[in-house]
């Protein structure tokens, strides 16, 4: 009887240990699944935030594109009036156009729209559209010689319109 009791006690002890091991493994699996779920939730939260930020940044893209020809027209008008500064009415019109031009520039700055109008910089097909080539030895090859129409970038990453440019090429 004592030996039977001892065997029963050993069996119970082994069973308890086995159940404790299974419980510990189950707890570890649950903890691992919990950590994986938390990581997945964090990833989803981060992705949603990125998407919301992207939508916020670029939601006005179409509207901003519609303002580009207006800005171009005002600049052309200002440039043409500069040649006719003798008449008082032209001076008055020029001053009003300058105010509108400055307001548009502030508007673009506020919405993080950057103008692409640098000359003597390397041609970059991701932001420039070559409209013509100028053969010259005065400027390094593949540099912007003239801006025919400025380009614009939104938030330093999205091209609204490429700059239409004349590119230098070595004269032979």
N, C-alpha and C. Protein backbone atom coordinates (compact mmCIF):
# COMPACT_ATOMS: atom_id res chain seq x y z
N UNK A 1 0.82 -1.19 0.00
CA UNK A 1 0.00 0.00 0.00
C UNK A 1 0.86 1.26 0.00
N UNK A 2 1.92 1.24 0.82
CA UNK A 2 2.79 2.41 0.87
C UNK A 2 3.43 2.64 -0.49
N UNK A 3 3.86 1.56 -1.13
CA UNK A 3 4.49 1.69 -2.44
C UNK A 3 3.48 2.18 -3.48
N UNK A 4 2.28 1.71 -3.38
CA UNK A 4 1.21 2.17 -4.26
C UNK A 4 0.94 3.65 -4.04
N UNK A 5 0.96 4.02 -2.75
CA UNK A 5 0.74 5.42 -2.39
C UNK A 5 1.87 6.28 -2.94
N UNK A 6 3.12 5.77 -2.82
CA UNK A 6 4.28 6.48 -3.34
C UNK A 6 4.19 6.62 -4.86
N UNK A 7 3.81 5.54 -5.53
CA UNK A 7 3.67 5.57 -6.99
C UNK A 7 2.59 6.57 -7.41
N UNK A 8 1.50 6.55 -6.67
CA UNK A 8 0.42 7.50 -6.96
C UNK A 8 0.90 8.93 -6.75
N UNK A 9 1.68 9.13 -5.68
CA UNK A 9 2.22 10.46 -5.38
C UNK A 9 3.18 10.90 -6.50
N UNK A 10 4.04 9.98 -6.97
CA UNK A 10 4.97 10.29 -8.06
C UNK A 10 4.22 10.60 -9.35
N UNK A 11 3.20 9.81 -9.61
CA UNK A 11 2.39 10.05 -10.82
C UNK A 11 1.73 11.42 -10.74
N UNK A 12 1.19 11.74 -9.56
CA UNK A 12 0.55 13.05 -9.36
C UNK A 12 1.57 14.18 -9.53
N UNK A 13 2.76 13.99 -8.96
CA UNK A 13 3.82 15.00 -9.05
C UNK A 13 4.23 15.18 -10.51
N UNK A 14 4.43 14.07 -11.22
CA UNK A 14 4.78 14.15 -12.65
C UNK A 14 3.68 14.82 -13.45
N UNK A 15 2.44 14.48 -13.14
CA UNK A 15 1.30 15.07 -13.83
C UNK A 15 1.24 16.58 -13.56
N UNK A 16 1.48 16.97 -12.31
CA UNK A 16 1.48 18.40 -11.94
C UNK A 16 2.59 19.12 -12.70
N UNK A 17 3.79 18.53 -12.72
CA UNK A 17 4.91 19.15 -13.44
C UNK A 17 4.58 19.28 -14.94
N UNK A 18 4.02 18.22 -15.49
CA UNK A 18 3.66 18.24 -16.91
C UNK A 18 2.62 19.33 -17.18
N UNK A 19 1.63 19.41 -16.31
CA UNK A 19 0.59 20.44 -16.46
C UNK A 19 1.18 21.84 -16.27
N UNK A 20 2.11 21.99 -15.32
CA UNK A 20 2.77 23.29 -15.11
C UNK A 20 3.58 23.68 -16.34
N UNK A 21 4.30 22.69 -16.93
CA UNK A 21 5.08 22.95 -18.15
C UNK A 21 4.16 23.37 -19.30
N UNK A 22 3.05 22.64 -19.45
CA UNK A 22 2.09 22.98 -20.51
C UNK A 22 1.51 24.38 -20.27
N UNK A 23 1.21 24.69 -19.02
CA UNK A 23 0.67 26.00 -18.67
C UNK A 23 1.70 27.09 -18.99
N UNK A 24 2.96 26.82 -18.63
CA UNK A 24 4.02 27.80 -18.89
C UNK A 24 4.18 28.01 -20.40
N UNK A 25 4.18 26.92 -21.18
CA UNK A 25 4.29 27.03 -22.64
C UNK A 25 3.09 27.78 -23.21
N UNK A 26 1.91 27.50 -22.69
CA UNK A 26 0.70 28.20 -23.15
C UNK A 26 0.79 29.69 -22.83
N UNK A 27 1.28 30.01 -21.62
CA UNK A 27 1.44 31.42 -21.24
C UNK A 27 2.44 32.11 -22.16
N UNK A 28 3.54 31.41 -22.49
CA UNK A 28 4.55 31.98 -23.39
C UNK A 28 3.97 32.22 -24.78
N UNK A 29 3.17 31.24 -25.27
CA UNK A 29 2.54 31.40 -26.58
C UNK A 29 1.55 32.57 -26.57
N UNK A 30 0.79 32.68 -25.50
CA UNK A 30 -0.18 33.78 -25.37
C UNK A 30 0.56 35.12 -25.35
N UNK A 31 1.65 35.18 -24.58
CA UNK A 31 2.44 36.40 -24.51
C UNK A 31 3.04 36.75 -25.88
N UNK A 32 3.53 35.73 -26.59
CA UNK A 32 4.08 35.95 -27.93
C UNK A 32 3.01 36.45 -28.89
N UNK A 33 1.82 35.83 -28.84
CA UNK A 33 0.70 36.27 -29.69
C UNK A 33 0.28 37.69 -29.34
N UNK A 34 0.28 38.01 -28.05
CA UNK A 34 -0.08 39.36 -27.60
C UNK A 34 0.92 40.37 -28.16
N UNK A 35 2.22 40.04 -28.06
CA UNK A 35 3.26 40.93 -28.59
C UNK A 35 3.13 41.11 -30.11
N UNK A 36 2.86 40.00 -30.81
CA UNK A 36 2.67 40.07 -32.26
C UNK A 36 1.47 40.95 -32.60
N UNK A 37 0.38 40.79 -31.85
CA UNK A 37 -0.82 41.59 -32.09
C UNK A 37 -0.53 43.07 -31.83
N UNK A 38 0.20 43.37 -30.76
CA UNK A 38 0.56 44.77 -30.46
C UNK A 38 1.43 45.36 -31.56
N UNK A 39 2.39 44.56 -32.05
CA UNK A 39 3.25 45.03 -33.14
C UNK A 39 2.43 45.28 -34.41
N UNK A 40 1.51 44.39 -34.69
CA UNK A 40 0.66 44.54 -35.88
C UNK A 40 -0.23 45.77 -35.75
N UNK A 41 -0.78 46.00 -34.57
CA UNK A 41 -1.60 47.19 -34.33
C UNK A 41 -0.76 48.45 -34.51
N UNK A 42 0.47 48.43 -34.00
CA UNK A 42 1.37 49.58 -34.15
C UNK A 42 1.67 49.83 -35.63
N UNK A 43 1.93 48.75 -36.39
CA UNK A 43 2.19 48.90 -37.83
C UNK A 43 0.98 49.48 -38.55
N UNK A 44 -0.20 48.98 -38.23
CA UNK A 44 -1.43 49.47 -38.86
C UNK A 44 -1.63 50.94 -38.51
N UNK A 45 -1.44 51.28 -37.24
CA UNK A 45 -1.59 52.67 -36.79
C UNK A 45 -0.62 53.57 -37.54
N UNK A 46 0.63 53.12 -37.67
CA UNK A 46 1.66 53.90 -38.37
C UNK A 46 1.28 54.08 -39.85
N UNK A 47 0.81 52.98 -40.48
CA UNK A 47 0.41 53.04 -41.89
C UNK A 47 -0.76 54.00 -42.10
N UNK A 48 -1.75 53.92 -41.21
CA UNK A 48 -2.92 54.81 -41.31
C UNK A 48 -2.48 56.26 -41.13
N UNK A 49 -1.60 56.51 -40.17
CA UNK A 49 -1.09 57.88 -39.96
C UNK A 49 -0.34 58.39 -41.19
N UNK A 50 0.48 57.52 -41.79
CA UNK A 50 1.21 57.91 -42.99
C UNK A 50 0.24 58.24 -44.12
N UNK A 51 -0.78 57.42 -44.28
CA UNK A 51 -1.77 57.65 -45.33
C UNK A 51 -2.54 58.95 -45.09
N UNK A 52 -2.91 59.18 -43.84
CA UNK A 52 -3.61 60.44 -43.51
C UNK A 52 -2.72 61.65 -43.77
N UNK A 53 -1.45 61.54 -43.40
CA UNK A 53 -0.50 62.64 -43.62
C UNK A 53 -0.32 62.89 -45.12
N UNK A 54 -0.20 61.80 -45.88
CA UNK A 54 -0.06 61.92 -47.33
C UNK A 54 -1.30 62.59 -47.93
N UNK A 55 -2.48 62.16 -47.50
CA UNK A 55 -3.72 62.76 -48.00
C UNK A 55 -3.80 64.23 -47.62
N UNK A 56 -3.38 64.57 -46.40
CA UNK A 56 -3.40 65.96 -45.96
C UNK A 56 -2.46 66.80 -46.82
N UNK A 57 -1.26 66.27 -47.05
CA UNK A 57 -0.25 67.01 -47.81
C UNK A 57 -0.69 67.25 -49.25
N UNK A 58 -1.27 66.24 -49.86
CA UNK A 58 -1.52 66.31 -51.30
C UNK A 58 -2.99 66.49 -51.67
N UNK A 59 -3.85 66.76 -50.70
CA UNK A 59 -5.28 66.90 -50.99
C UNK A 59 -5.58 68.10 -51.87
N UNK A 60 -4.75 69.12 -51.81
CA UNK A 60 -5.00 70.34 -52.60
C UNK A 60 -4.24 70.35 -53.93
N UNK A 61 -3.67 69.22 -54.29
CA UNK A 61 -2.82 69.16 -55.48
C UNK A 61 -3.53 69.68 -56.73
N UNK A 62 -4.75 69.22 -56.99
CA UNK A 62 -5.46 69.64 -58.20
C UNK A 62 -5.75 71.14 -58.19
N UNK A 63 -6.14 71.65 -57.03
CA UNK A 63 -6.39 73.09 -56.91
C UNK A 63 -5.12 73.89 -57.17
N UNK A 64 -4.02 73.44 -56.59
CA UNK A 64 -2.74 74.14 -56.78
C UNK A 64 -2.31 74.13 -58.24
N UNK A 65 -2.53 73.02 -58.92
CA UNK A 65 -2.19 72.92 -60.34
C UNK A 65 -3.00 73.94 -61.14
N UNK A 66 -4.26 74.14 -60.75
CA UNK A 66 -5.10 75.14 -61.43
C UNK A 66 -4.59 76.56 -61.25
N UNK A 67 -3.86 76.82 -60.18
CA UNK A 67 -3.32 78.16 -59.94
C UNK A 67 -2.05 78.45 -60.73
N UNK A 68 -1.38 77.42 -61.23
CA UNK A 68 -0.10 77.62 -61.93
C UNK A 68 -0.24 78.50 -63.17
N UNK A 69 -1.23 78.27 -64.05
CA UNK A 69 -1.35 79.15 -65.23
C UNK A 69 -1.68 80.60 -64.84
N UNK A 70 -2.40 80.78 -63.74
CA UNK A 70 -2.71 82.13 -63.27
C UNK A 70 -1.41 82.84 -62.89
N UNK A 71 -0.57 82.13 -62.15
CA UNK A 71 0.73 82.69 -61.75
C UNK A 71 1.57 83.01 -62.99
N UNK A 72 1.59 82.08 -63.96
CA UNK A 72 2.35 82.31 -65.20
C UNK A 72 1.85 83.57 -65.92
N UNK A 73 0.54 83.71 -66.02
CA UNK A 73 -0.04 84.86 -66.73
C UNK A 73 0.31 86.17 -66.05
N UNK A 74 0.24 86.18 -64.73
CA UNK A 74 0.58 87.40 -63.99
C UNK A 74 2.05 87.76 -64.20
N UNK A 75 2.93 86.75 -64.17
CA UNK A 75 4.36 87.01 -64.39
C UNK A 75 4.62 87.55 -65.80
N UNK A 76 3.94 86.95 -66.79
CA UNK A 76 4.11 87.44 -68.17
C UNK A 76 3.62 88.88 -68.30
N UNK A 77 2.48 89.17 -67.66
CA UNK A 77 1.94 90.53 -67.70
C UNK A 77 2.92 91.51 -67.06
N UNK A 78 3.47 91.12 -65.91
CA UNK A 78 4.45 91.99 -65.23
C UNK A 78 5.67 92.25 -66.12
N UNK A 79 6.16 91.19 -66.75
CA UNK A 79 7.34 91.33 -67.61
C UNK A 79 7.06 92.22 -68.83
N UNK A 80 5.85 92.12 -69.38
CA UNK A 80 5.54 92.94 -70.55
C UNK A 80 5.33 94.40 -70.17
N UNK A 81 4.80 94.64 -68.98
CA UNK A 81 4.57 96.02 -68.53
C UNK A 81 5.90 96.69 -68.18
N UNK A 82 6.87 95.95 -67.72
CA UNK A 82 8.17 96.53 -67.37
C UNK A 82 8.80 97.24 -68.56
N UNK A 83 8.44 96.82 -69.75
CA UNK A 83 8.97 97.45 -70.96
C UNK A 83 8.22 98.74 -71.31
N UNK A 84 7.08 98.99 -70.67
CA UNK A 84 6.25 100.16 -70.97
C UNK A 84 6.04 101.02 -69.73
N UNK A 85 7.07 101.33 -69.01
CA UNK A 85 6.92 102.06 -67.76
C UNK A 85 6.77 103.57 -67.92
N UNK A 86 6.64 104.06 -69.12
CA UNK A 86 6.53 105.51 -69.31
C UNK A 86 5.14 106.04 -68.98
N UNK A 87 4.12 105.23 -69.17
CA UNK A 87 2.74 105.68 -68.94
C UNK A 87 2.34 105.44 -67.48
N UNK A 88 1.68 106.44 -66.89
CA UNK A 88 1.26 106.36 -65.49
C UNK A 88 0.30 105.19 -65.25
N UNK A 89 -0.59 104.94 -66.20
CA UNK A 89 -1.57 103.85 -66.06
C UNK A 89 -0.85 102.50 -66.02
N UNK A 90 0.21 102.35 -66.83
CA UNK A 90 0.98 101.11 -66.82
C UNK A 90 1.67 100.90 -65.48
N UNK A 91 2.16 101.97 -64.90
CA UNK A 91 2.82 101.88 -63.59
C UNK A 91 1.82 101.44 -62.53
N UNK A 92 0.61 101.99 -62.59
CA UNK A 92 -0.44 101.62 -61.64
C UNK A 92 -0.84 100.15 -61.80
N UNK A 93 -1.01 99.72 -63.04
CA UNK A 93 -1.36 98.31 -63.31
C UNK A 93 -0.24 97.40 -62.83
N UNK A 94 0.99 97.80 -63.11
CA UNK A 94 2.15 97.00 -62.70
C UNK A 94 2.18 96.84 -61.18
N UNK A 95 1.93 97.92 -60.44
CA UNK A 95 1.94 97.85 -58.98
C UNK A 95 0.87 96.90 -58.46
N UNK A 96 -0.31 96.94 -59.07
CA UNK A 96 -1.40 96.04 -58.65
C UNK A 96 -1.08 94.59 -58.99
N UNK A 97 -0.51 94.38 -60.17
CA UNK A 97 -0.11 93.02 -60.54
C UNK A 97 0.98 92.50 -59.62
N UNK A 98 1.89 93.36 -59.21
CA UNK A 98 2.97 92.97 -58.29
C UNK A 98 2.38 92.52 -56.96
N UNK A 99 1.37 93.23 -56.48
CA UNK A 99 0.70 92.84 -55.23
C UNK A 99 0.07 91.45 -55.38
N UNK A 100 -0.63 91.24 -56.50
CA UNK A 100 -1.26 89.93 -56.75
C UNK A 100 -0.19 88.85 -56.86
N UNK A 101 0.89 89.14 -57.55
CA UNK A 101 1.99 88.19 -57.71
C UNK A 101 2.58 87.81 -56.35
N UNK A 102 2.78 88.80 -55.50
CA UNK A 102 3.32 88.54 -54.15
C UNK A 102 2.35 87.70 -53.32
N UNK A 103 1.06 87.96 -53.45
CA UNK A 103 0.05 87.16 -52.74
C UNK A 103 0.09 85.71 -53.21
N UNK A 104 0.21 85.52 -54.51
CA UNK A 104 0.30 84.15 -55.05
C UNK A 104 1.56 83.45 -54.56
N UNK A 105 2.68 84.17 -54.51
CA UNK A 105 3.93 83.58 -54.01
C UNK A 105 3.76 83.15 -52.55
N UNK A 106 3.13 84.00 -51.75
CA UNK A 106 2.87 83.66 -50.34
C UNK A 106 1.94 82.45 -50.24
N UNK A 107 0.95 82.40 -51.11
CA UNK A 107 0.00 81.28 -51.16
C UNK A 107 0.76 79.98 -51.44
N UNK A 108 1.67 80.00 -52.42
CA UNK A 108 2.45 78.81 -52.75
C UNK A 108 3.38 78.42 -51.60
N UNK A 109 3.99 79.39 -50.96
CA UNK A 109 4.86 79.10 -49.81
C UNK A 109 4.05 78.45 -48.70
N UNK A 110 2.87 78.99 -48.43
CA UNK A 110 2.02 78.45 -47.36
C UNK A 110 1.68 76.98 -47.61
N UNK A 111 1.45 76.62 -48.87
CA UNK A 111 1.09 75.24 -49.20
C UNK A 111 2.29 74.40 -49.64
N UNK A 112 3.50 74.89 -49.36
CA UNK A 112 4.75 74.15 -49.62
C UNK A 112 4.95 73.82 -51.10
N UNK A 113 4.62 74.79 -51.95
CA UNK A 113 4.85 74.65 -53.38
C UNK A 113 6.13 75.41 -53.71
N UNK A 114 7.10 74.68 -54.27
CA UNK A 114 8.40 75.29 -54.60
C UNK A 114 8.51 75.44 -56.11
N UNK A 115 8.96 76.61 -56.51
CA UNK A 115 9.13 76.92 -57.93
C UNK A 115 10.45 76.34 -58.43
N UNK A 116 10.42 75.75 -59.63
CA UNK A 116 11.63 75.23 -60.27
C UNK A 116 11.97 76.22 -61.39
N UNK A 117 12.94 77.10 -61.13
CA UNK A 117 13.30 78.10 -62.14
C UNK A 117 14.78 78.46 -62.11
N UNK A 118 15.60 77.56 -61.59
CA UNK A 118 17.04 77.82 -61.52
C UNK A 118 17.69 77.57 -62.88
N UNK A 119 18.60 78.46 -63.25
CA UNK A 119 19.37 78.25 -64.48
C UNK A 119 20.80 77.89 -64.09
N UNK A 120 21.54 77.37 -65.06
CA UNK A 120 22.92 76.94 -64.88
C UNK A 120 23.05 75.81 -63.84
N UNK A 121 22.00 74.99 -63.76
CA UNK A 121 22.02 73.79 -62.91
C UNK A 121 21.93 72.59 -63.85
N UNK A 122 22.38 71.42 -63.40
CA UNK A 122 22.30 70.24 -64.27
C UNK A 122 20.85 69.91 -64.64
N UNK A 123 20.67 69.47 -65.88
CA UNK A 123 19.36 69.02 -66.35
C UNK A 123 18.96 67.77 -65.57
N UNK A 124 17.76 67.76 -65.03
CA UNK A 124 17.24 66.62 -64.26
C UNK A 124 15.89 66.23 -64.87
N UNK A 125 15.84 65.10 -65.58
CA UNK A 125 14.60 64.72 -66.26
C UNK A 125 13.42 64.47 -65.30
N UNK A 126 13.70 64.32 -64.01
CA UNK A 126 12.60 64.11 -63.07
C UNK A 126 11.86 65.41 -62.76
N UNK A 127 12.50 66.57 -63.04
CA UNK A 127 11.83 67.85 -62.78
C UNK A 127 11.87 68.81 -63.97
N UNK A 128 12.65 68.46 -65.01
CA UNK A 128 12.78 69.32 -66.18
C UNK A 128 12.24 68.60 -67.42
N UNK A 129 11.68 69.39 -68.33
CA UNK A 129 11.27 68.89 -69.63
C UNK A 129 12.05 69.69 -70.67
N UNK A 130 12.95 69.01 -71.38
CA UNK A 130 13.79 69.70 -72.37
C UNK A 130 12.93 70.07 -73.58
N UNK A 131 12.86 71.37 -73.87
CA UNK A 131 12.08 71.85 -75.00
C UNK A 131 12.98 72.19 -76.19
N UNK A 132 14.24 72.46 -75.89
CA UNK A 132 15.17 72.85 -76.94
C UNK A 132 16.60 72.64 -76.45
N UNK A 133 17.52 72.64 -77.41
CA UNK A 133 18.94 72.50 -77.09
C UNK A 133 19.66 73.75 -77.61
N UNK A 134 20.58 74.25 -76.82
CA UNK A 134 21.41 75.38 -77.25
C UNK A 134 22.85 74.90 -77.31
N UNK A 135 23.41 74.94 -78.53
CA UNK A 135 24.80 74.53 -78.71
C UNK A 135 25.71 75.68 -78.30
N UNK A 136 26.58 75.42 -77.33
CA UNK A 136 27.46 76.48 -76.83
C UNK A 136 28.67 75.86 -76.14
N UNK A 137 29.76 76.61 -76.13
CA UNK A 137 30.93 76.22 -75.36
C UNK A 137 31.10 77.15 -74.16
N UNK A 138 30.18 78.08 -73.99
CA UNK A 138 30.23 79.06 -72.90
C UNK A 138 29.74 78.46 -71.57
N UNK A 139 28.90 77.44 -71.67
CA UNK A 139 28.31 76.80 -70.48
C UNK A 139 28.60 75.31 -70.57
N UNK A 140 28.77 74.69 -69.42
CA UNK A 140 28.99 73.23 -69.39
C UNK A 140 27.83 72.52 -70.08
N UNK A 141 28.11 71.39 -70.73
CA UNK A 141 27.02 70.63 -71.35
C UNK A 141 26.02 70.12 -70.30
N UNK A 142 24.80 69.95 -70.75
CA UNK A 142 23.71 69.39 -69.95
C UNK A 142 23.30 70.29 -68.78
N UNK A 143 23.44 71.59 -68.95
CA UNK A 143 23.01 72.56 -67.94
C UNK A 143 21.79 73.32 -68.47
N UNK A 144 20.98 73.83 -67.55
CA UNK A 144 19.81 74.61 -67.92
C UNK A 144 20.28 76.01 -68.33
N UNK A 145 19.93 76.39 -69.56
CA UNK A 145 20.33 77.69 -70.09
C UNK A 145 19.20 78.70 -69.89
N UNK A 146 17.98 78.28 -70.22
CA UNK A 146 16.81 79.16 -70.14
C UNK A 146 15.62 78.39 -69.59
N UNK A 147 14.82 79.09 -68.80
CA UNK A 147 13.55 78.52 -68.33
C UNK A 147 12.46 79.10 -69.23
N UNK A 148 11.80 78.24 -70.00
CA UNK A 148 10.71 78.70 -70.85
C UNK A 148 9.42 78.83 -70.04
N UNK A 149 9.24 77.89 -69.12
CA UNK A 149 8.08 77.92 -68.22
C UNK A 149 8.53 77.27 -66.91
N UNK A 150 8.35 77.95 -65.77
CA UNK A 150 8.79 77.35 -64.51
C UNK A 150 7.99 76.10 -64.16
N UNK A 151 8.63 75.22 -63.42
CA UNK A 151 7.96 74.04 -62.90
C UNK A 151 7.67 74.24 -61.43
N UNK A 152 6.93 73.29 -60.85
CA UNK A 152 6.57 73.40 -59.43
C UNK A 152 6.57 72.02 -58.78
N UNK A 153 7.03 71.99 -57.52
CA UNK A 153 7.05 70.76 -56.72
C UNK A 153 6.25 71.02 -55.44
N UNK A 154 5.44 70.04 -55.06
CA UNK A 154 4.64 70.13 -53.84
C UNK A 154 5.32 69.31 -52.75
N UNK A 155 5.56 69.92 -51.60
CA UNK A 155 6.17 69.26 -50.43
C UNK A 155 7.48 68.56 -50.76
N UNK A 156 8.28 69.15 -51.63
CA UNK A 156 9.62 68.62 -51.96
C UNK A 156 9.60 67.21 -52.55
N UNK A 157 8.40 66.69 -52.89
CA UNK A 157 8.39 65.31 -53.35
C UNK A 157 7.46 65.04 -54.53
N UNK A 158 6.43 65.85 -54.71
CA UNK A 158 5.48 65.56 -55.78
C UNK A 158 5.56 66.66 -56.83
N UNK A 159 5.89 66.25 -58.05
CA UNK A 159 6.01 67.20 -59.15
C UNK A 159 4.61 67.61 -59.62
N UNK A 160 4.32 68.90 -59.53
CA UNK A 160 3.05 69.41 -60.04
C UNK A 160 3.15 69.67 -61.54
N UNK A 161 4.29 70.21 -61.95
CA UNK A 161 4.52 70.50 -63.37
C UNK A 161 6.03 70.60 -63.58
N UNK A 162 6.56 69.91 -64.62
CA UNK A 162 8.00 70.04 -64.88
C UNK A 162 8.32 71.41 -65.45
N UNK A 163 9.52 71.86 -65.20
CA UNK A 163 9.99 73.12 -65.79
C UNK A 163 10.34 72.84 -67.25
N UNK A 164 9.83 73.69 -68.15
CA UNK A 164 10.16 73.56 -69.57
C UNK A 164 11.42 74.38 -69.81
N UNK A 165 12.48 73.70 -70.28
CA UNK A 165 13.80 74.33 -70.29
C UNK A 165 14.54 74.16 -71.62
N UNK A 166 15.54 75.02 -71.77
CA UNK A 166 16.51 74.90 -72.86
C UNK A 166 17.79 74.37 -72.22
N UNK A 167 18.35 73.32 -72.82
CA UNK A 167 19.51 72.64 -72.25
C UNK A 167 20.74 72.89 -73.12
N UNK A 168 21.88 73.09 -72.46
CA UNK A 168 23.13 73.33 -73.20
C UNK A 168 23.71 72.02 -73.72
N UNK A 169 24.36 72.14 -74.87
CA UNK A 169 25.06 71.00 -75.44
C UNK A 169 26.35 71.54 -76.05
N UNK A 170 27.41 70.77 -75.94
CA UNK A 170 28.73 71.22 -76.43
C UNK A 170 28.68 71.47 -77.94
N UNK A 171 29.18 72.64 -78.30
CA UNK A 171 29.25 73.01 -79.72
C UNK A 171 30.41 72.26 -80.36
N UNK A 172 30.16 71.69 -81.50
CA UNK A 172 31.21 70.90 -82.18
C UNK A 172 31.83 71.72 -83.29
